[in-house]
Amino acid sequence: MEVSNQVNGLRTRYPDGVFPAKCPSRVVLDHVTSKWGVLILVALSEGPQRWGELRRRAEGISEKMLAQTLKTLERDGFVDRHPEPVIPPRVDYSLTERGHELAALLLPLVSWVAEHAEEIVSDEH
């Protein structure tokens, strides 16, 4: 089974696993798998976007949370920020090569969630 091969590969590469509290993967997982992190990465997988475009795409995100998420993803090397010296100021955001690689992995997950979300939510008790 493919999943068990992936788990075995993970165990081979990281004998202690990614489960220890001090594992740096915990920090990265927190950044990229947050609701807003995933939505921003998926939105940027469609191409460069401005602040306002991202804010409209990720309905419900506050200005503070968008700024925080973009700064975190930029610091982690997933997002590039491209300010242009014009008035009014213009800033475009895009994925880095690492960001594109990550988005390619997230897109199947997001697609699966979108496909099954209604059924899952309606089954909640």
N, C-alpha and C. Protein backbone atom coordinates (compact mmCIF):
# COMPACT_ATOMS: atom_id res chain seq x y z
N MET A 1 0.84 -1.18 0.00
CA MET A 1 0.00 0.00 0.00
C MET A 1 0.88 1.24 0.00
N GLU A 2 0.52 2.24 -0.79
CA GLU A 2 1.34 3.43 -0.94
C GLU A 2 1.50 4.21 0.36
N VAL A 3 0.44 4.32 1.14
CA VAL A 3 0.51 5.09 2.39
C VAL A 3 1.51 4.46 3.34
N SER A 4 1.47 3.14 3.48
CA SER A 4 2.42 2.50 4.40
C SER A 4 3.85 2.67 3.90
N ASN A 5 4.07 2.69 2.59
CA ASN A 5 5.41 2.95 2.04
C ASN A 5 5.87 4.36 2.40
N GLN A 6 4.95 5.32 2.34
CA GLN A 6 5.29 6.69 2.70
C GLN A 6 5.61 6.81 4.19
N VAL A 7 4.83 6.13 5.02
CA VAL A 7 5.08 6.14 6.46
C VAL A 7 6.44 5.50 6.75
N ASN A 8 6.73 4.38 6.11
CA ASN A 8 8.03 3.72 6.30
C ASN A 8 9.17 4.61 5.84
N GLY A 9 8.98 5.31 4.72
CA GLY A 9 10.00 6.24 4.24
C GLY A 9 10.24 7.36 5.22
N LEU A 10 9.17 7.86 5.81
CA LEU A 10 9.28 8.91 6.81
C LEU A 10 10.05 8.40 8.03
N ARG A 11 9.74 7.20 8.46
CA ARG A 11 10.44 6.62 9.62
C ARG A 11 11.91 6.40 9.33
N THR A 12 12.22 6.03 8.08
CA THR A 12 13.62 5.80 7.69
C THR A 12 14.40 7.11 7.71
N ARG A 13 13.80 8.15 7.15
CA ARG A 13 14.48 9.45 7.07
C ARG A 13 14.55 10.14 8.42
N TYR A 14 13.51 9.96 9.24
CA TYR A 14 13.41 10.63 10.54
C TYR A 14 13.07 9.59 11.60
N PRO A 15 14.08 8.86 12.09
CA PRO A 15 13.82 7.76 13.03
C PRO A 15 13.01 8.18 14.26
N ASP A 16 13.19 9.40 14.74
CA ASP A 16 12.42 9.86 15.89
C ASP A 16 11.04 10.36 15.47
N GLY A 17 10.83 10.43 14.16
CA GLY A 17 9.54 10.87 13.65
C GLY A 17 9.38 12.37 13.74
N VAL A 18 8.21 12.83 13.37
CA VAL A 18 7.91 14.26 13.44
C VAL A 18 7.04 14.56 14.66
N PHE A 19 6.90 13.58 15.52
CA PHE A 19 6.01 13.72 16.66
C PHE A 19 6.62 14.36 17.90
N PRO A 20 7.96 14.32 18.10
CA PRO A 20 8.51 14.96 19.30
C PRO A 20 8.17 16.45 19.36
N ALA A 21 7.91 16.94 20.54
CA ALA A 21 7.48 18.33 20.73
C ALA A 21 8.48 19.34 20.17
N LYS A 22 9.75 19.04 20.22
CA LYS A 22 10.79 19.98 19.77
C LYS A 22 11.10 19.86 18.28
N CYS A 23 10.41 19.01 17.55
CA CYS A 23 10.67 18.82 16.13
C CYS A 23 10.33 20.10 15.37
N PRO A 24 11.27 20.62 14.57
CA PRO A 24 11.00 21.85 13.81
C PRO A 24 9.83 21.71 12.83
N SER A 25 9.50 20.49 12.47
CA SER A 25 8.39 20.30 11.54
C SER A 25 7.08 20.79 12.16
N ARG A 26 6.99 20.79 13.47
CA ARG A 26 5.77 21.27 14.14
C ARG A 26 5.51 22.74 13.82
N VAL A 27 6.57 23.54 13.83
CA VAL A 27 6.44 24.96 13.54
C VAL A 27 5.98 25.16 12.10
N VAL A 28 6.64 24.46 11.18
CA VAL A 28 6.30 24.60 9.76
C VAL A 28 4.88 24.09 9.51
N LEU A 29 4.52 22.97 10.10
CA LEU A 29 3.16 22.44 9.93
C LEU A 29 2.13 23.44 10.43
N ASP A 30 2.42 24.09 11.53
CA ASP A 30 1.51 25.09 12.07
C ASP A 30 1.32 26.24 11.09
N HIS A 31 2.38 26.67 10.45
CA HIS A 31 2.32 27.79 9.51
C HIS A 31 1.56 27.42 8.24
N VAL A 32 1.88 26.27 7.67
CA VAL A 32 1.33 25.95 6.34
C VAL A 32 -0.02 25.25 6.39
N THR A 33 -0.39 24.67 7.53
CA THR A 33 -1.67 23.96 7.58
C THR A 33 -2.73 24.73 8.36
N SER A 34 -2.43 25.95 8.73
CA SER A 34 -3.48 26.76 9.33
C SER A 34 -4.51 27.05 8.24
N LYS A 35 -5.72 27.31 8.64
CA LYS A 35 -6.79 27.59 7.67
C LYS A 35 -6.35 28.69 6.70
N TRP A 36 -5.83 29.79 7.24
CA TRP A 36 -5.46 30.92 6.40
C TRP A 36 -4.21 30.63 5.60
N GLY A 37 -3.27 29.92 6.17
CA GLY A 37 -2.05 29.57 5.43
C GLY A 37 -2.37 28.76 4.19
N VAL A 38 -3.20 27.75 4.35
CA VAL A 38 -3.59 26.91 3.21
C VAL A 38 -4.31 27.74 2.16
N LEU A 39 -5.28 28.55 2.58
CA LEU A 39 -6.05 29.34 1.62
C LEU A 39 -5.18 30.34 0.86
N ILE A 40 -4.25 30.98 1.53
CA ILE A 40 -3.37 31.94 0.86
C ILE A 40 -2.44 31.21 -0.10
N LEU A 41 -1.88 30.09 0.29
CA LEU A 41 -1.00 29.33 -0.59
C LEU A 41 -1.74 28.85 -1.83
N VAL A 42 -2.96 28.36 -1.65
CA VAL A 42 -3.75 27.88 -2.78
C VAL A 42 -4.12 29.06 -3.70
N ALA A 43 -4.50 30.18 -3.12
CA ALA A 43 -4.83 31.35 -3.94
C ALA A 43 -3.63 31.79 -4.77
N LEU A 44 -2.46 31.83 -4.15
CA LEU A 44 -1.26 32.26 -4.86
C LEU A 44 -0.76 31.23 -5.87
N SER A 45 -1.24 30.00 -5.76
CA SER A 45 -0.84 28.99 -6.75
C SER A 45 -1.42 29.33 -8.12
N GLU A 46 -2.42 30.21 -8.15
CA GLU A 46 -3.03 30.64 -9.42
C GLU A 46 -2.27 31.82 -10.04
N GLY A 47 -1.29 32.35 -9.34
CA GLY A 47 -0.49 33.46 -9.87
C GLY A 47 -0.38 34.59 -8.87
N PRO A 48 0.49 35.58 -9.17
CA PRO A 48 0.69 36.71 -8.28
C PRO A 48 -0.62 37.46 -8.02
N GLN A 49 -0.75 37.96 -6.79
CA GLN A 49 -1.96 38.71 -6.42
C GLN A 49 -1.60 39.84 -5.48
N ARG A 50 -2.43 40.85 -5.51
CA ARG A 50 -2.28 41.98 -4.61
C ARG A 50 -2.99 41.68 -3.30
N TRP A 51 -2.71 42.52 -2.31
CA TRP A 51 -3.29 42.39 -0.97
C TRP A 51 -4.81 42.29 -1.03
N GLY A 52 -5.43 43.25 -1.71
CA GLY A 52 -6.89 43.29 -1.78
C GLY A 52 -7.48 42.05 -2.44
N GLU A 53 -6.80 41.55 -3.46
CA GLU A 53 -7.27 40.33 -4.12
C GLU A 53 -7.25 39.16 -3.15
N LEU A 54 -6.16 39.05 -2.40
CA LEU A 54 -6.05 37.96 -1.42
C LEU A 54 -7.11 38.10 -0.34
N ARG A 55 -7.35 39.31 0.09
CA ARG A 55 -8.36 39.55 1.14
C ARG A 55 -9.75 39.15 0.67
N ARG A 56 -10.06 39.46 -0.61
CA ARG A 56 -11.37 39.06 -1.16
C ARG A 56 -11.45 37.55 -1.36
N ARG A 57 -10.37 36.94 -1.79
CA ARG A 57 -10.37 35.50 -2.03
C ARG A 57 -10.60 34.72 -0.75
N ALA A 58 -9.91 35.11 0.31
CA ALA A 58 -10.01 34.41 1.60
C ALA A 58 -11.07 35.11 2.44
N GLU A 59 -12.32 34.96 2.06
CA GLU A 59 -13.41 35.63 2.76
C GLU A 59 -13.34 35.37 4.26
N GLY A 60 -13.50 36.46 5.01
CA GLY A 60 -13.53 36.33 6.46
C GLY A 60 -12.19 36.59 7.13
N ILE A 61 -11.10 36.67 6.35
CA ILE A 61 -9.80 36.92 6.97
C ILE A 61 -9.72 38.40 7.34
N SER A 62 -9.22 38.67 8.53
CA SER A 62 -9.05 40.06 8.95
C SER A 62 -7.75 40.61 8.35
N GLU A 63 -7.65 41.94 8.32
CA GLU A 63 -6.42 42.56 7.81
C GLU A 63 -5.22 42.10 8.62
N LYS A 64 -5.40 42.06 9.94
CA LYS A 64 -4.31 41.65 10.82
C LYS A 64 -3.88 40.21 10.53
N MET A 65 -4.84 39.31 10.34
CA MET A 65 -4.50 37.91 10.11
C MET A 65 -3.87 37.73 8.73
N LEU A 66 -4.34 38.47 7.73
CA LEU A 66 -3.73 38.38 6.41
C LEU A 66 -2.28 38.85 6.46
N ALA A 67 -2.06 39.98 7.12
CA ALA A 67 -0.69 40.50 7.25
C ALA A 67 0.20 39.51 7.98
N GLN A 68 -0.30 38.96 9.07
CA GLN A 68 0.47 38.00 9.86
C GLN A 68 0.77 36.74 9.05
N THR A 69 -0.22 36.23 8.34
CA THR A 69 -0.04 35.01 7.55
C THR A 69 0.96 35.24 6.42
N LEU A 70 0.82 36.36 5.71
CA LEU A 70 1.77 36.65 4.62
C LEU A 70 3.19 36.81 5.15
N LYS A 71 3.36 37.51 6.28
CA LYS A 71 4.70 37.68 6.86
C LYS A 71 5.30 36.33 7.24
N THR A 72 4.50 35.47 7.83
CA THR A 72 4.98 34.16 8.24
C THR A 72 5.38 33.33 7.03
N LEU A 73 4.52 33.30 6.02
CA LEU A 73 4.82 32.51 4.82
C LEU A 73 6.01 33.08 4.06
N GLU A 74 6.18 34.39 4.11
CA GLU A 74 7.34 35.03 3.49
C GLU A 74 8.62 34.65 4.26
N ARG A 75 8.55 34.74 5.58
CA ARG A 75 9.70 34.40 6.42
C ARG A 75 10.12 32.94 6.24
N ASP A 76 9.12 32.07 6.02
CA ASP A 76 9.40 30.64 5.82
C ASP A 76 9.90 30.32 4.41
N GLY A 77 9.87 31.32 3.53
CA GLY A 77 10.39 31.11 2.18
C GLY A 77 9.37 30.55 1.20
N PHE A 78 8.08 30.70 1.50
CA PHE A 78 7.03 30.20 0.60
C PHE A 78 6.44 31.31 -0.27
N VAL A 79 6.52 32.55 0.20
CA VAL A 79 5.89 33.68 -0.49
C VAL A 79 6.93 34.78 -0.69
N ASP A 80 6.88 35.40 -1.87
CA ASP A 80 7.69 36.59 -2.16
C ASP A 80 6.78 37.80 -2.14
N ARG A 81 7.32 38.89 -1.63
CA ARG A 81 6.61 40.18 -1.58
C ARG A 81 7.32 41.11 -2.54
N HIS A 82 6.56 41.70 -3.47
CA HIS A 82 7.14 42.56 -4.50
C HIS A 82 6.51 43.96 -4.43
N PRO A 83 7.12 44.88 -3.64
CA PRO A 83 6.58 46.24 -3.59
C PRO A 83 7.00 47.02 -4.85
N GLU A 84 6.10 47.86 -5.34
CA GLU A 84 6.41 48.72 -6.48
C GLU A 84 6.35 50.16 -6.02
N PRO A 85 7.36 50.96 -6.40
CA PRO A 85 7.41 52.36 -5.94
C PRO A 85 6.48 53.26 -6.74
N VAL A 86 5.19 53.07 -6.53
CA VAL A 86 4.19 53.89 -7.21
C VAL A 86 3.24 54.46 -6.17
N ILE A 87 2.46 55.44 -6.59
CA ILE A 87 1.46 56.01 -5.69
C ILE A 87 0.11 55.79 -6.33
N PRO A 88 -0.84 55.18 -5.66
CA PRO A 88 -0.72 54.59 -4.32
C PRO A 88 0.19 53.37 -4.34
N PRO A 89 0.75 53.02 -3.17
CA PRO A 89 1.67 51.89 -3.10
C PRO A 89 1.01 50.61 -3.63
N ARG A 90 1.81 49.81 -4.29
CA ARG A 90 1.32 48.54 -4.83
C ARG A 90 2.29 47.45 -4.39
N VAL A 91 1.73 46.37 -3.86
CA VAL A 91 2.54 45.22 -3.45
C VAL A 91 1.88 43.98 -4.05
N ASP A 92 2.67 43.21 -4.75
CA ASP A 92 2.21 41.93 -5.28
C ASP A 92 2.85 40.82 -4.47
N TYR A 93 2.10 39.75 -4.29
CA TYR A 93 2.59 38.57 -3.59
C TYR A 93 2.56 37.41 -4.56
N SER A 94 3.58 36.55 -4.48
CA SER A 94 3.64 35.38 -5.33
C SER A 94 4.33 34.25 -4.57
N LEU A 95 4.20 33.06 -5.10
CA LEU A 95 4.86 31.91 -4.49
C LEU A 95 6.30 31.82 -4.95
N THR A 96 7.17 31.41 -4.06
CA THR A 96 8.54 31.09 -4.41
C THR A 96 8.54 29.68 -5.01
N GLU A 97 9.70 29.22 -5.42
CA GLU A 97 9.80 27.84 -5.92
C GLU A 97 9.37 26.85 -4.84
N ARG A 98 9.81 27.09 -3.61
CA ARG A 98 9.41 26.24 -2.49
C ARG A 98 7.90 26.33 -2.25
N GLY A 99 7.34 27.52 -2.40
CA GLY A 99 5.91 27.71 -2.25
C GLY A 99 5.11 26.96 -3.30
N HIS A 100 5.60 26.96 -4.55
CA HIS A 100 4.94 26.20 -5.61
C HIS A 100 4.97 24.70 -5.32
N GLU A 101 6.11 24.24 -4.82
CA GLU A 101 6.25 22.82 -4.46
C GLU A 101 5.25 22.45 -3.37
N LEU A 102 5.13 23.29 -2.36
CA LEU A 102 4.19 23.04 -1.27
C LEU A 102 2.74 23.12 -1.75
N ALA A 103 2.41 24.13 -2.54
CA ALA A 103 1.05 24.28 -3.05
C ALA A 103 0.65 23.06 -3.88
N ALA A 104 1.57 22.50 -4.63
CA ALA A 104 1.26 21.31 -5.42
C ALA A 104 0.88 20.14 -4.53
N LEU A 105 1.42 20.09 -3.33
CA LEU A 105 1.06 19.04 -2.37
C LEU A 105 -0.25 19.35 -1.66
N LEU A 106 -0.52 20.62 -1.44
CA LEU A 106 -1.74 21.02 -0.74
C LEU A 106 -2.98 20.94 -1.63
N LEU A 107 -2.84 21.18 -2.92
CA LEU A 107 -3.99 21.21 -3.81
C LEU A 107 -4.80 19.91 -3.79
N PRO A 108 -4.18 18.73 -3.81
CA PRO A 108 -4.99 17.51 -3.71
C PRO A 108 -5.75 17.43 -2.38
N LEU A 109 -5.15 17.86 -1.30
CA LEU A 109 -5.82 17.87 0.00
C LEU A 109 -7.02 18.80 -0.03
N VAL A 110 -6.82 20.02 -0.52
CA VAL A 110 -7.91 21.00 -0.58
C VAL A 110 -9.02 20.49 -1.49
N SER A 111 -8.65 19.87 -2.59
CA SER A 111 -9.65 19.30 -3.52
C SER A 111 -10.45 18.21 -2.82
N TRP A 112 -9.78 17.34 -2.08
CA TRP A 112 -10.47 16.26 -1.36
C TRP A 112 -11.42 16.85 -0.32
N VAL A 113 -10.94 17.85 0.42
CA VAL A 113 -11.77 18.48 1.44
C VAL A 113 -13.00 19.12 0.80
N ALA A 114 -12.81 19.85 -0.30
CA ALA A 114 -13.94 20.50 -0.97
C ALA A 114 -14.95 19.46 -1.45
N GLU A 115 -14.44 18.33 -1.95
CA GLU A 115 -15.32 17.29 -2.47
C GLU A 115 -16.17 16.64 -1.37
N HIS A 116 -15.61 16.52 -0.17
CA HIS A 116 -16.27 15.79 0.90
C HIS A 116 -16.83 16.66 2.03
N ALA A 117 -16.57 17.95 1.99
CA ALA A 117 -16.92 18.82 3.11
C ALA A 117 -18.40 18.81 3.45
N GLU A 118 -19.24 18.94 2.43
CA GLU A 118 -20.69 18.99 2.70
C GLU A 118 -21.16 17.73 3.40
N GLU A 119 -20.72 16.60 2.91
CA GLU A 119 -21.11 15.31 3.51
C GLU A 119 -20.59 15.19 4.94
N ILE A 120 -19.36 15.61 5.15
CA ILE A 120 -18.76 15.51 6.49
C ILE A 120 -19.46 16.44 7.47
N VAL A 121 -19.69 17.67 7.06
CA VAL A 121 -20.34 18.64 7.94
C VAL A 121 -21.77 18.23 8.23
N SER A 122 -22.47 17.68 7.24
CA SER A 122 -23.85 17.27 7.48
C SER A 122 -23.95 16.05 8.37
N ASP A 123 -22.85 15.28 8.49
CA ASP A 123 -22.85 14.09 9.36
C ASP A 123 -22.50 14.43 10.80
N GLU A 124 -22.12 15.69 11.06
CA GLU A 124 -21.74 16.05 12.44
C GLU A 124 -22.93 15.91 13.38
N HIS A 125 -22.63 15.55 14.59
CA HIS A 125 -23.68 15.36 15.59
C HIS A 125 -23.58 16.42 16.64
